[in-house]
Amino acid sequence: MTARIERVVTEGVVDIDGTEHKVENNTWIVGDDDEVIVIDAARDAEKILEQVGEREVLAVICTAGLPDHVGAAIEVASRDEAVVALHPKDKPLWRETWRETWPDIDMEDDGIFGVAEVQLDVLETPGISPGGVSLYCEALGAVFTGKALQADGPGKLGGEYPALADQLTSIGGRLFTLPGDTRVLAAHGDEVTIGDLEPHFDDWVSGSLTRTETAAEAEGPLTDGTKLSGIKLDPSDD
């Protein structure tokens, strides 16, 4: 069977430093007609498992320990007794969502996952979180970047860059070494290619990302796929 990539989009609300943000997340499924790996199982296990269908889930990989990346990890993994993988530096973040359990696998740089005769290579890409990772699949010409890099550039967390220097180092040193036609499949938003984004890197390094926004820009959606909700939603509505 030929391996392929599928996307499931879920919506919900996350709390960042006491402020609620609406978030739309991409969950990526890599596999064939028999087996899959799920990347960033966000909040809606039922919707994700509906897309998986009767295929076996081998692993649930979390590119970060943030709530909107791990919210459905346990439920999705438990159906087929799959393993959950997370970088150990993001375990404190994981604990904010899952207080009575831990991931099964501590990911490390250059680790490898296999599914449907293709390989996912672990690339450490910290910045948004200390243990942020990306997953590169050479055979499918794609890299799953979590929040590290998105269609509009480096991702943010609640409208801010927690560690921009680390994030830019990750992007320049790991992601922009990949072939230009590599698909960038992030946790939020549409896809783009490495070649589309790489020409902007020098501007990012020179400070374009942190220049003061205009009032109109400040009122728009945040670049991590969130916007201020102003409304408290019941989690059951997600």
Protein backbone atom coordinates (compact mmCIF):
# COMPACT_ATOMS: atom_id res chain seq x y z
CA MET A 1 0.00 0.00 0.00
CA THR A 2 1.20 3.54 -0.77
CA ALA A 3 1.68 5.85 2.19
CA ARG A 4 -0.21 9.14 2.16
CA ILE A 5 -0.91 12.18 4.32
CA GLU A 6 -4.36 13.19 5.56
CA ARG A 7 -5.48 16.22 7.56
CA VAL A 8 -8.17 16.54 10.25
CA VAL A 9 -9.09 20.07 11.38
CA THR A 10 -10.49 20.64 14.87
CA GLU A 11 -11.55 23.80 16.68
CA GLY A 12 -11.62 24.84 20.32
CA VAL A 13 -10.40 27.23 22.98
CA VAL A 14 -7.10 27.30 24.86
CA ASP A 15 -6.16 29.39 27.88
CA ILE A 16 -2.82 31.20 27.63
CA ASP A 17 -1.84 33.12 30.76
CA GLY A 18 -5.47 33.61 31.72
CA THR A 19 -6.67 34.73 28.29
CA GLU A 20 -8.82 32.47 26.15
CA HIS A 21 -7.98 32.04 22.47
CA LYS A 22 -9.95 30.36 19.73
CA VAL A 23 -7.74 27.83 17.99
CA GLU A 24 -8.05 25.80 14.81
CA ASN A 25 -5.67 22.85 14.77
CA ASN A 26 -4.39 20.50 12.10
CA THR A 27 -4.01 16.88 13.09
CA TRP A 28 -1.96 14.96 10.53
CA ILE A 29 -2.37 11.26 9.75
CA VAL A 30 0.43 9.43 7.94
CA GLY A 31 -0.04 5.88 6.72
CA ASP A 32 -1.75 3.57 4.27
CA ASP A 33 -4.90 1.45 4.23
CA ASP A 34 -3.68 -0.69 7.13
CA GLU A 35 -1.72 1.41 9.63
CA VAL A 36 -1.17 5.04 10.57
CA ILE A 37 0.72 7.42 12.82
CA VAL A 38 -1.23 10.39 14.19
CA ILE A 39 0.62 13.69 14.65
CA ASP A 40 -0.72 16.27 17.14
CA ALA A 41 -4.00 14.70 18.23
CA ALA A 42 -5.89 17.89 19.07
CA ARG A 43 -8.89 17.77 21.39
CA ASP A 44 -11.45 15.82 19.27
CA ALA A 45 -10.58 12.14 19.45
CA GLU A 46 -13.87 11.07 17.89
CA LYS A 47 -13.30 13.15 14.77
CA ILE A 48 -9.70 11.96 14.45
CA LEU A 49 -10.60 8.30 14.91
CA GLU A 50 -13.44 8.66 12.41
CA GLN A 51 -10.83 9.64 9.82
CA VAL A 52 -8.52 6.80 10.89
CA GLY A 53 -11.35 4.30 10.52
CA GLU A 54 -10.41 0.66 10.96
CA ARG A 55 -6.70 1.25 10.36
CA GLU A 56 -4.35 0.49 13.24
CA VAL A 57 -2.87 3.46 15.08
CA LEU A 58 0.79 2.64 15.72
CA ALA A 59 1.74 5.85 17.52
CA VAL A 60 0.52 9.30 18.47
CA ILE A 61 3.35 11.82 18.15
CA CYS A 62 3.12 15.24 19.81
CA THR A 63 5.28 17.99 18.31
CA ALA A 64 4.82 19.93 21.58
CA GLY A 65 3.32 19.37 25.01
CA LEU A 66 0.85 22.22 24.63
CA PRO A 67 -2.83 21.48 25.37
CA ASP A 68 -3.99 21.86 21.77
CA HIS A 69 -1.35 19.35 20.64
CA VAL A 70 -1.98 16.63 23.25
CA GLY A 71 -5.64 17.01 24.19
CA ALA A 72 -6.83 13.86 22.40
CA ALA A 73 -3.55 11.93 22.53
CA ILE A 74 -4.51 9.43 25.23
CA GLU A 75 -7.93 8.61 23.81
CA VAL A 76 -6.67 8.21 20.25
CA ALA A 77 -3.74 6.04 21.36
CA SER A 78 -5.73 3.88 23.75
CA ARG A 79 -8.07 2.51 21.09
CA ASP A 80 -5.29 0.36 19.60
CA GLU A 81 -2.91 0.43 22.57
CA ALA A 82 -0.59 2.67 20.57
CA VAL A 83 2.34 4.53 22.08
CA VAL A 84 2.40 8.28 22.72
CA ALA A 85 5.65 10.11 21.97
CA LEU A 86 6.81 13.49 23.31
CA HIS A 87 10.15 15.21 23.84
CA PRO A 88 11.08 14.95 27.55
CA LYS A 89 11.63 18.72 27.85
CA ASP A 90 7.91 19.20 27.22
CA LYS A 91 6.77 16.88 30.00
CA PRO A 92 5.93 19.82 32.32
CA LEU A 93 3.59 21.15 29.62
CA TRP A 94 2.08 17.70 29.16
CA ARG A 95 1.34 17.61 32.90
CA GLU A 96 -0.91 20.65 32.54
CA THR A 97 -3.31 18.50 30.49
CA TRP A 98 -2.62 14.96 31.71
CA ARG A 99 -1.93 14.83 35.46
CA GLU A 100 -2.11 11.08 35.97
CA THR A 101 -0.21 9.68 33.02
CA TRP A 102 2.99 10.14 31.04
CA PRO A 103 3.91 9.63 27.37
CA ASP A 104 5.31 6.21 26.51
CA ILE A 105 8.30 7.40 24.45
CA ASP A 106 10.79 10.19 25.11
CA MET A 107 11.70 11.49 21.66
CA GLU A 108 15.22 12.60 20.88
CA ASP A 109 16.85 14.42 17.97
CA ASP A 110 17.42 12.10 15.00
CA GLY A 111 14.94 9.54 16.35
CA ILE A 112 13.00 7.53 13.77
CA PHE A 113 9.41 6.33 13.48
CA GLY A 114 8.26 3.96 10.75
CA VAL A 115 4.82 3.50 9.22
CA ALA A 116 3.57 2.10 5.92
CA GLU A 117 7.17 1.67 4.67
CA VAL A 118 8.06 5.34 5.13
CA GLN A 119 10.20 6.96 7.81
CA LEU A 120 9.57 9.98 10.02
CA ASP A 121 12.78 11.60 11.27
CA VAL A 122 12.68 13.61 14.50
CA LEU A 123 14.20 17.10 14.28
CA GLU A 124 14.48 19.09 17.51
CA THR A 125 12.99 22.54 16.80
CA PRO A 126 12.62 24.30 20.18
CA GLY A 127 11.41 27.86 20.53
CA ILE A 128 7.65 27.73 21.00
CA SER A 129 8.31 25.13 23.68
CA PRO A 130 11.58 23.72 25.06
CA GLY A 131 10.89 20.29 23.63
CA GLY A 132 9.34 21.27 20.33
CA VAL A 133 10.04 18.88 17.46
CA SER A 134 9.36 18.59 13.76
CA LEU A 135 8.99 15.34 11.81
CA TYR A 136 10.53 15.03 8.36
CA CYS A 137 9.33 12.41 5.89
CA GLU A 138 11.69 12.40 2.92
CA ALA A 139 9.67 9.78 1.03
CA LEU A 140 6.55 11.96 1.10
CA GLY A 141 8.41 15.25 0.69
CA ALA A 142 6.89 16.78 3.82
CA VAL A 143 7.88 18.13 7.21
CA PHE A 144 5.40 18.39 10.09
CA THR A 145 6.49 21.52 11.94
CA GLY A 146 3.97 21.96 14.75
CA LYS A 147 4.06 25.63 15.73
CA ALA A 148 7.72 26.17 14.84
CA LEU A 149 7.08 27.24 11.25
CA GLN A 150 3.79 28.02 9.53
CA ALA A 151 2.58 29.36 6.20
CA ASP A 152 2.99 32.96 7.41
CA GLY A 153 6.36 32.39 9.07
CA PRO A 154 7.50 31.44 12.57
CA GLY A 155 4.54 30.51 14.73
CA LYS A 156 3.57 32.32 17.91
CA LEU A 157 2.06 31.31 21.22
CA GLY A 158 -0.76 33.59 22.31
CA GLY A 159 0.48 36.25 19.90
CA GLU A 160 4.06 36.22 21.22
CA TYR A 161 7.38 34.49 20.58
CA PRO A 162 8.42 32.70 23.80
CA ALA A 163 12.04 32.20 22.65
CA LEU A 164 12.45 33.74 19.21
CA ALA A 165 16.24 33.31 19.01
CA ASP A 166 15.93 29.58 19.66
CA GLN A 167 13.06 29.33 17.20
CA LEU A 168 14.97 31.06 14.41
CA THR A 169 17.99 28.86 15.09
CA SER A 170 15.74 25.82 14.75
CA ILE A 171 14.26 27.10 11.51
CA GLY A 172 17.55 28.09 9.93
CA GLY A 173 19.61 25.17 11.17
CA ARG A 174 17.13 22.32 10.76
CA LEU A 175 14.12 23.21 8.60
CA PHE A 176 15.76 25.41 5.97
CA THR A 177 18.35 22.71 5.28
CA LEU A 178 15.56 20.59 3.74
CA PRO A 179 14.85 20.58 -0.02
CA GLY A 180 13.00 23.66 -1.25
CA ASP A 181 9.99 21.70 -2.50
CA THR A 182 9.39 20.10 0.92
CA ARG A 183 5.80 20.65 2.06
CA VAL A 184 5.52 22.48 5.39
CA LEU A 185 2.57 20.95 7.26
CA ALA A 186 2.07 22.93 10.45
CA ALA A 187 -0.26 22.61 13.42
CA HIS A 188 -2.22 25.64 12.21
CA GLY A 189 -3.23 27.02 8.84
CA ASP A 190 -2.53 26.04 5.26
CA GLU A 191 0.51 24.35 3.80
CA VAL A 192 3.43 26.02 2.08
CA THR A 193 6.89 24.89 0.97
CA ILE A 194 10.33 25.43 2.42
CA GLY A 195 11.24 27.29 -0.78
CA ASP A 196 8.35 29.70 -0.32
CA LEU A 197 9.49 30.69 3.17
CA GLU A 198 13.28 30.55 3.07
CA PRO A 199 13.73 33.89 1.20
CA HIS A 200 12.17 35.67 4.20
CA PHE A 201 14.63 34.29 6.73
CA ASP A 202 17.06 37.21 6.63
CA ASP A 203 14.22 39.64 7.29
CA TRP A 204 13.10 37.60 10.29
CA VAL A 205 16.61 37.57 11.69
CA SER A 206 16.96 41.32 11.16
CA GLY A 207 13.92 42.03 13.32
CA SER A 208 10.90 42.20 11.03
CA LEU A 209 8.94 39.83 13.28
CA THR A 210 9.14 42.08 16.33
CA ARG A 211 8.51 45.49 14.82
CA THR A 212 5.50 47.31 16.26
CA GLU A 213 2.23 46.31 14.65
CA THR A 214 -0.30 48.84 13.42
CA ALA A 215 -3.63 48.98 15.22
CA ALA A 216 -5.33 47.24 12.30
CA GLU A 217 -2.84 44.38 12.38
CA ALA A 218 -3.19 43.99 16.14
CA GLU A 219 -6.94 43.44 15.82
CA GLY A 220 -6.59 40.56 13.37
CA PRO A 221 -6.12 36.83 14.00
CA LEU A 222 -2.91 35.84 15.73
CA THR A 223 -0.38 34.11 13.53
CA ASP A 224 -0.52 30.89 15.55
CA GLY A 225 -4.05 30.33 14.29
CA THR A 226 -5.72 31.94 17.30
CA LYS A 227 -7.66 35.08 18.03
CA LEU A 228 -9.03 36.50 21.27
CA SER A 229 -12.41 34.91 21.85
CA GLY A 230 -13.95 37.18 24.47
CA ILE A 231 -16.36 34.32 25.19
CA LYS A 232 -15.99 31.43 27.59
CA LEU A 233 -17.03 28.25 25.82
CA ASP A 234 -18.03 24.99 27.42
CA PRO A 235 -15.39 22.37 26.49
CA SER A 236 -18.26 20.07 25.46
CA ASP A 237 -18.98 22.48 22.61
CA ASP A 238 -15.56 21.79 21.00
